[in-house]
Protein backbone atom coordinates (compact mmCIF):
# COMPACT_ATOMS: atom_id res chain seq x y z
CA MET A 1 144.51 123.41 208.53
CA ALA A 2 140.76 122.92 209.05
CA GLY A 3 140.37 125.87 211.39
CA THR A 4 142.48 128.43 209.54
CA GLN A 5 141.93 127.59 205.87
CA CYS A 6 138.93 125.25 205.58
CA LEU A 7 135.23 125.87 205.83
CA ASN A 8 134.34 122.98 208.12
CA LEU A 9 130.72 121.86 207.71
CA ILE A 10 131.13 118.42 209.31
CA PRO A 11 128.07 118.15 211.61
CA SER A 12 129.88 115.86 214.07
CA GLU A 13 132.69 118.33 214.76
CA ASN A 14 133.02 121.60 216.59
CA VAL A 15 135.78 123.84 217.91
CA MET A 16 136.76 124.45 221.53
CA SER A 17 137.56 127.80 223.06
CA GLN A 18 141.23 128.45 223.75
CA ALA A 19 140.64 128.16 227.50
CA VAL A 20 138.94 124.75 227.18
CA LYS A 21 141.65 123.57 224.79
CA SER A 22 144.41 124.63 227.20
CA LEU A 23 143.05 122.35 229.92
CA LEU A 24 143.61 119.32 227.70
CA SER A 25 147.35 120.00 227.76
CA SER A 26 147.45 120.82 231.47
CA ASP A 27 149.17 118.81 234.19
CA LEU A 28 145.89 116.95 234.76
CA GLY A 29 146.70 114.95 231.64
CA HIS A 30 149.34 113.07 233.65
CA ARG A 31 147.28 112.33 236.76
CA TYR A 32 144.94 109.76 238.25
CA THR A 33 142.21 109.87 240.81
CA SER A 34 139.81 107.19 242.03
CA ARG A 35 136.39 106.93 243.64
CA LEU A 36 138.01 104.40 246.00
CA ASN A 37 140.40 107.08 247.35
CA PHE A 38 143.37 104.91 246.40
CA TYR A 39 145.54 107.88 245.36
CA ALA A 40 146.63 110.72 247.61
CA GLY A 41 146.90 114.31 246.38
CA THR A 42 143.68 114.25 244.35
CA LYS A 43 141.67 116.91 246.19
CA TYR A 44 141.46 119.42 243.37
CA MET A 45 140.72 116.85 240.66
CA ASP A 46 137.89 115.50 242.78
CA GLU A 47 136.52 119.02 243.28
CA ILE A 48 136.63 119.70 239.54
CA GLU A 49 134.71 116.51 238.78
CA LEU A 50 132.03 117.21 241.37
CA TYR A 51 131.67 120.78 240.13
CA GLY A 52 131.38 119.50 236.55
CA GLU A 53 128.64 117.10 237.55
CA ARG A 54 126.78 119.90 239.30
CA LEU A 55 127.01 122.11 236.22
CA ALA A 56 125.86 119.27 233.96
CA LYS A 57 122.79 118.64 236.10
CA GLU A 58 121.94 122.34 236.00
CA VAL A 59 122.51 122.76 232.26
CA PHE A 60 120.50 119.66 231.26
CA GLY A 61 117.89 119.60 234.01
CA ALA A 62 119.08 116.19 235.23
CA LYS A 63 119.07 114.64 238.70
CA THR A 64 122.34 112.77 238.12
CA ALA A 65 125.30 113.33 235.83
CA ASP A 66 128.54 111.52 235.11
CA LEU A 67 131.44 112.89 233.06
CA ARG A 68 133.58 109.73 233.07
CA PRO A 69 132.51 108.01 229.79
CA LEU A 70 135.42 108.31 227.39
CA SER A 71 133.12 108.66 224.36
CA GLY A 72 129.50 108.76 223.34
CA HIS A 73 129.83 105.12 222.29
CA ILE A 74 130.99 104.15 225.79
CA ALA A 75 128.05 106.11 227.23
CA ASP A 76 125.72 104.07 224.99
CA MET A 77 127.38 100.88 226.21
CA ILE A 78 126.98 101.84 229.87
CA PHE A 79 123.29 102.57 229.36
CA LEU A 80 122.57 99.34 227.50
CA SER A 81 124.68 97.13 229.77
CA THR A 82 123.06 98.50 232.91
CA PHE A 83 119.48 97.81 231.86
CA THR A 84 119.61 94.78 229.55
CA LYS A 85 120.53 91.10 229.54
CA PRO A 86 121.23 88.89 226.48
CA SER A 87 118.22 88.32 224.20
CA ASP A 88 116.46 91.50 225.32
CA LYS A 89 114.98 93.64 222.55
CA ILE A 90 115.99 97.23 221.86
CA LEU A 91 114.01 99.61 219.67
CA CYS A 92 115.92 102.41 217.92
CA VAL A 93 116.34 104.10 214.54
CA SER A 94 117.90 101.77 211.99
CA PRO A 95 121.18 102.81 210.33
CA GLU A 96 119.31 102.62 207.02
CA ASP A 97 117.14 105.47 208.29
CA GLY A 98 120.03 107.49 209.70
CA GLY A 99 120.37 105.78 213.08
CA TYR A 100 123.72 105.31 214.81
CA PRO A 101 125.38 102.11 213.49
CA GLY A 102 127.16 101.63 216.82
CA LEU A 103 123.86 100.67 218.43
CA TRP A 104 122.92 98.15 215.75
CA ASN A 105 123.75 94.51 215.09
CA GLU A 106 127.40 94.95 214.17
CA GLY A 107 127.84 97.34 217.09
CA LEU A 108 126.73 97.18 220.70
CA ALA A 109 123.57 95.14 220.10
CA GLY A 110 125.63 92.34 218.60
CA LEU A 111 128.27 92.58 221.31
CA LEU A 112 125.67 92.41 224.09
CA LYS A 113 123.58 89.80 222.25
CA LEU A 114 120.52 92.04 222.04
CA LYS A 115 117.79 91.81 219.41
CA THR A 116 117.31 95.01 217.42
CA ILE A 117 113.96 96.35 216.24
CA ALA A 118 113.78 99.36 213.90
CA PHE A 119 111.45 102.25 214.57
CA PRO A 120 108.89 102.63 211.78
CA PHE A 121 110.37 105.62 209.98
CA SER A 122 109.37 108.08 207.28
CA LYS A 123 112.32 109.04 205.08
CA ASN A 124 110.14 111.67 203.48
CA ARG A 125 109.70 113.46 206.82
CA MET A 126 112.98 112.12 208.30
CA ASN A 127 111.25 111.15 211.51
CA ILE A 128 109.69 108.28 213.45
CA GLU A 129 106.13 107.36 212.50
CA ILE A 130 104.31 107.85 215.77
CA GLU A 131 101.27 105.59 215.53
CA LYS A 132 103.14 102.72 213.89
CA ALA A 133 105.88 103.08 216.50
CA ARG A 134 103.33 102.96 219.32
CA GLN A 135 101.91 99.73 217.90
CA THR A 136 105.43 98.30 217.57
CA ILE A 137 106.21 99.10 221.20
CA LEU A 138 103.03 97.45 222.48
CA ARG A 139 103.45 94.41 220.22
CA GLU A 140 107.21 93.76 220.52
CA LYS A 141 107.64 94.86 224.15
CA PRO A 142 111.27 95.98 223.88
CA ARG A 143 113.33 96.26 227.04
CA ILE A 144 114.96 99.47 225.79
CA VAL A 145 113.65 102.30 223.60
CA ILE A 146 116.32 104.71 222.33
CA PHE A 147 115.53 107.96 220.54
CA GLY A 148 118.13 110.02 218.69
CA ALA A 149 120.06 109.39 215.46
CA SER A 150 123.11 110.33 213.42
CA LEU A 151 120.96 111.95 210.72
CA ILE A 152 118.58 114.06 212.76
CA LEU A 153 116.75 117.07 211.39
CA PHE A 154 113.69 117.23 213.64
CA PRO A 155 112.85 116.46 217.28
CA HIS A 156 111.92 112.84 217.90
CA PRO A 157 108.50 112.02 219.41
CA VAL A 158 109.70 111.24 222.93
CA ARG A 159 106.67 112.71 224.67
CA GLU A 160 104.25 110.98 222.29
CA LEU A 161 105.79 107.50 222.72
CA SER A 162 107.29 107.40 226.21
CA GLU A 163 103.99 106.52 227.87
CA ALA A 164 103.56 103.46 225.65
CA ALA A 165 107.13 102.45 226.42
CA LYS A 166 106.63 102.77 230.15
CA GLU A 167 103.32 100.89 229.91
CA ILE A 168 105.23 97.75 228.87
CA GLY A 169 108.12 98.39 231.28
CA ALA A 170 110.67 99.65 228.76
CA VAL A 171 113.52 101.95 229.76
CA VAL A 172 113.53 105.08 227.58
CA GLY A 173 116.85 106.65 226.62
CA TYR A 174 117.96 109.36 224.21
CA ASP A 175 121.27 109.32 222.37
CA GLY A 176 121.81 113.04 222.04
CA SER A 177 125.31 112.86 220.56
CA HIS A 178 124.52 115.16 217.64
CA VAL A 179 122.08 117.56 219.30
CA LEU A 180 123.46 117.71 222.85
CA GLY A 181 124.51 121.35 222.50
CA LEU A 182 121.09 122.30 221.16
CA ILE A 183 119.39 120.50 224.06
CA ALA A 184 121.70 122.25 226.54
CA GLY A 185 120.86 125.59 224.94
CA GLY A 186 117.12 125.03 225.21
CA GLU A 187 116.57 124.37 221.49
CA PHE A 188 115.33 121.34 219.59
CA GLN A 189 113.81 119.32 222.49
CA SER A 190 114.25 118.37 226.15
CA PRO A 191 114.30 114.56 226.38
CA LEU A 192 114.50 114.30 230.18
CA ARG A 193 111.38 116.46 230.51
CA GLU A 194 109.56 114.63 227.73
CA GLY A 195 109.78 111.11 229.14
CA ALA A 196 113.32 109.78 228.71
CA VAL A 197 114.99 108.59 231.92
CA ALA A 198 118.50 108.99 230.49
CA LEU A 199 120.25 111.30 228.03
CA PHE A 200 123.74 110.39 226.85
CA GLY A 201 126.16 110.97 224.02
CA SER A 202 129.22 112.76 222.69
CA THR A 203 130.46 116.11 223.95
CA HIS A 204 132.10 117.47 220.78
CA LYS A 205 129.38 117.91 218.14
CA THR A 206 126.82 120.62 218.74
CA PHE A 207 128.14 120.58 222.30
CA PHE A 208 131.46 122.44 222.06
CA GLY A 209 133.57 120.46 224.53
CA PRO A 210 136.48 118.05 224.12
CA GLN A 211 135.96 114.68 222.49
CA GLY A 212 134.36 112.37 225.04
CA GLY A 213 131.03 111.30 226.50
CA ILE A 214 128.51 112.18 229.20
CA LEU A 215 125.62 110.52 231.04
CA LEU A 216 122.61 112.44 232.38
CA ALA A 217 119.60 110.83 234.02
CA ASP A 218 116.91 110.81 236.65
CA ALA A 219 117.90 109.73 240.16
CA GLU A 220 116.88 106.06 239.95
CA HIS A 221 118.45 105.15 236.61
CA GLY A 222 121.38 107.52 236.99
CA GLU A 223 122.55 105.92 240.24
CA LYS A 224 122.32 102.45 238.71
CA MET A 225 124.54 103.50 235.82
CA LYS A 226 127.02 105.19 238.14
CA GLU A 227 127.42 101.95 240.10
CA CYS A 228 128.40 100.12 236.90
CA ILE A 229 130.94 102.54 235.44
CA PHE A 230 134.02 101.69 237.50
CA PRO A 231 135.76 99.31 236.96
CA ARG A 232 133.68 97.79 234.13
CA PHE A 233 133.76 100.55 231.54
CA VAL A 234 136.11 103.30 232.72
CA ASP A 235 139.19 103.18 234.94
CA ASN A 236 141.27 106.30 234.27
CA ALA A 237 138.66 108.78 233.07
CA HIS A 238 141.18 111.29 231.61
CA TRP A 239 140.92 114.13 234.11
CA ASN A 240 142.27 116.75 231.71
CA ARG A 241 139.25 115.96 229.51
CA ILE A 242 136.91 116.19 232.51
CA ALA A 243 138.37 119.57 233.46
CA ALA A 244 137.97 120.78 229.86
CA LEU A 245 134.40 119.47 229.76
CA THR A 246 133.62 121.24 233.03
CA LEU A 247 134.73 124.58 231.60
CA ALA A 248 132.75 123.89 228.41
CA LEU A 249 129.68 123.25 230.58
CA ALA A 250 130.24 126.62 232.25
CA GLU A 251 130.43 128.23 228.80
CA MET A 252 127.24 126.47 227.78
CA LYS A 253 125.48 127.64 230.94
CA ASN A 254 126.39 131.24 230.19
CA PHE A 255 126.23 131.39 226.39
CA GLY A 256 124.36 128.25 225.31
CA LYS A 257 120.94 129.74 224.63
CA GLU A 258 122.28 132.36 222.23
CA TYR A 259 124.61 129.83 220.60
CA ALA A 260 121.96 127.14 220.08
CA LYS A 261 119.46 129.58 218.60
CA GLN A 262 122.06 130.82 216.12
CA VAL A 263 123.10 127.28 215.14
CA VAL A 264 119.50 126.47 214.18
CA ARG A 265 118.94 129.83 212.46
CA ASN A 266 122.11 129.27 210.45
CA ALA A 267 121.10 125.74 209.45
CA LYS A 268 117.68 126.91 208.28
CA ARG A 269 119.15 129.78 206.27
CA LEU A 270 121.86 127.57 204.75
CA ALA A 271 119.26 125.00 203.69
CA GLU A 272 116.99 127.65 202.16
CA ALA A 273 119.84 129.30 200.29
CA ILE A 274 121.20 126.02 198.90
CA SER A 275 117.70 124.95 197.87
CA ASP A 276 117.19 128.29 196.14
CA HIS A 277 120.18 127.34 193.98
CA GLU A 278 118.21 124.23 192.90
CA LEU A 279 120.36 121.76 194.81
CA PRO A 280 118.63 118.69 196.33
CA VAL A 281 118.15 119.62 200.00
CA ILE A 282 115.77 117.12 201.62
CA CYS A 283 112.64 117.88 203.67
CA LYS A 284 111.82 121.17 201.95
CA ASP A 285 108.10 120.66 202.65
CA TYR A 286 108.84 120.46 206.40
CA GLY A 287 111.10 123.50 206.67
CA PHE A 288 114.34 121.61 205.88
CA THR A 289 115.64 121.30 209.45
CA CYS A 290 115.22 122.18 213.13
CA SER A 291 118.74 121.06 214.07
CA HIS A 292 122.30 121.89 213.04
CA GLN A 293 122.14 119.56 210.03
CA VAL A 294 121.33 120.21 206.40
CA ILE A 295 121.16 117.11 204.20
CA MET A 296 121.55 116.98 200.43
CA ASN A 297 120.75 113.82 198.48
CA PHE A 298 122.23 113.33 195.01
CA GLY A 299 120.75 109.86 194.52
CA ASP A 300 123.16 107.31 195.98
CA PHE A 301 126.25 107.01 198.16
CA GLU A 302 128.78 107.11 195.33
CA ARG A 303 127.31 110.31 193.90
CA ASN A 304 127.22 111.85 197.36
CA ARG A 305 130.84 110.84 197.91
CA ALA A 306 131.81 112.47 194.62
CA VAL A 307 130.08 115.70 195.67
CA ALA A 308 131.93 115.71 199.01
CA ALA A 309 135.23 115.12 197.19
CA ARG A 310 134.59 118.00 194.80
CA LEU A 311 133.73 120.36 197.68
CA GLU A 312 136.87 119.27 199.50
CA LYS A 313 139.00 120.48 196.61
CA ALA A 314 137.66 123.96 197.40
CA ASN A 315 138.41 123.53 201.13
CA ILE A 316 134.72 123.07 201.93
CA ILE A 317 134.57 120.03 204.19
CA ALA A 318 131.44 117.85 204.26
CA ASP A 319 130.88 114.16 204.85
CA CYS A 320 129.83 111.61 202.26
CA GLY A 321 126.19 111.95 203.43
CA VAL A 322 126.12 114.81 202.19
CA ARG A 323 125.37 116.26 205.65
CA LEU A 324 126.31 119.87 206.29
CA GLY A 325 126.54 121.14 209.86
CA THR A 326 126.49 124.69 211.19
CA CYS A 327 127.92 124.12 214.67
CA GLU A 328 131.56 125.05 214.03
CA VAL A 329 130.89 127.95 211.68
CA THR A 330 128.46 129.37 214.25
CA ARG A 331 131.10 129.12 216.98
CA ARG A 332 133.40 131.09 214.68
CA GLY A 333 130.89 133.94 214.58
CA MET A 334 129.11 133.32 211.30
CA LYS A 335 125.44 134.22 210.96
CA GLU A 336 122.74 134.16 208.28
CA ALA A 337 124.57 136.41 205.84
CA GLU A 338 127.57 134.11 205.92
CA MET A 339 125.31 131.09 205.28
CA GLU A 340 124.22 132.78 202.07
CA LYS A 341 127.87 133.22 201.11
CA ILE A 342 128.58 129.55 201.83
CA ALA A 343 125.60 128.53 199.70
CA GLU A 344 126.98 130.69 196.90
CA PHE A 345 130.36 128.89 197.10
CA ILE A 346 128.58 125.54 196.92
CA LYS A 347 126.49 126.68 193.97
CA ARG A 348 129.56 127.84 192.05
CA ILE A 349 131.19 124.44 192.50
CA LEU A 350 128.20 122.13 191.99
CA VAL A 351 125.87 124.11 189.71
CA ASN A 352 128.10 126.50 187.79
CA ARG A 353 130.87 123.85 187.68
CA GLU A 354 133.62 126.36 188.38
CA ARG A 355 137.02 124.84 189.08
CA PRO A 356 137.15 124.10 192.83
CA GLU A 357 140.77 125.23 192.94
CA GLU A 358 139.69 128.73 191.92
CA VAL A 359 136.85 128.91 194.45
CA LYS A 360 139.27 127.63 197.11
CA LYS A 361 141.20 130.91 197.06
CA GLU A 362 138.06 132.84 198.03
CA VAL A 363 137.10 130.23 200.65
CA VAL A 364 140.47 130.60 202.35
CA ARG A 365 140.12 134.40 202.44
CA PHE A 366 136.55 134.10 203.74
CA VAL A 367 137.47 131.67 206.53
CA GLY A 368 140.40 133.88 207.52
CA GLU A 369 137.94 136.55 208.62
CA PHE A 370 136.37 134.20 211.21
CA GLN A 371 139.18 132.99 213.45
CA GLU A 372 137.83 134.24 216.78
CA ILE A 373 135.83 131.73 218.85
CA HIS A 374 132.50 133.08 220.13
CA TYR A 375 130.08 132.06 222.90
CA CYS A 376 132.82 131.68 225.48
CA PHE A 377 134.51 133.66 228.26
CA SER A 378 136.84 136.42 227.07
């Protein structure tokens, strides 16, 4: 129902083209291949994977690429496991500041017995505090420094802090799960050119591929991760997903720049329009956002949850953040004028207090006009 009747503003979701989607249900979904050449009859699957890796390196400016991680979380695990041992320190954005909980103590850090250190962070600016972070790096000497977050409005200071990290021998990575499609399209930032040795994450948020993960890196660190993947983290890598991801990479190569620019333009316009309706969009003094995300803050989690529930009754889908994302609506062909219409729907529900069930009828009609997927091959 989400695609045909709902206005999906979940920032961690996107929509695939019909061609990419069709590969998920292809015969490849039944098949295996192996780097050890154990199975016969795998020639074409192997060619698809190698072509996908070549496209990924081209799109992201990487020296190595691997499409086998089954999720962004598994990609995180491969990166951490390759370059750490128990009791090592990792520096990343805390979940309290919008960092990915899967990296923190109850996630991979706890599993791998790593000590977590939080980046000094400004919630007012929604970004890492550069000078305090530099001092933290030099004082704590973490083994791993990871940029990127789940709540991410602005580029992280990779270039400004990577030299300090390398000075103490830290390995610098970037979890690009949310902004991978923007990075591929040349927007937001370019972590591998700014000092990170590895870029990894999910392939279904701003990147419009199937659910799964990807690893991108320089030659030295990329080859070390590749050596660890099989059989420790991935056996059957789901070759229908890899084929679908390969086609999505081809779409990104051809249409990614235009797509990424429009995603960011839409997010900025949506934030401005919502703020104009006197709703609490954060970071107004800093231009609201440079990513696909727009964040509203109604005071606490329970109030935010109530807002998301009220919007849902009108078929406007947000998370309990309240984070709004423009990746899927952009892929459906919406532009700045449509962002103003979306903001008007939200205003009617949250400011004017119209019955969501009445607004829902208009939302369904509105969404029905945007069923074609854009930024893909005809």
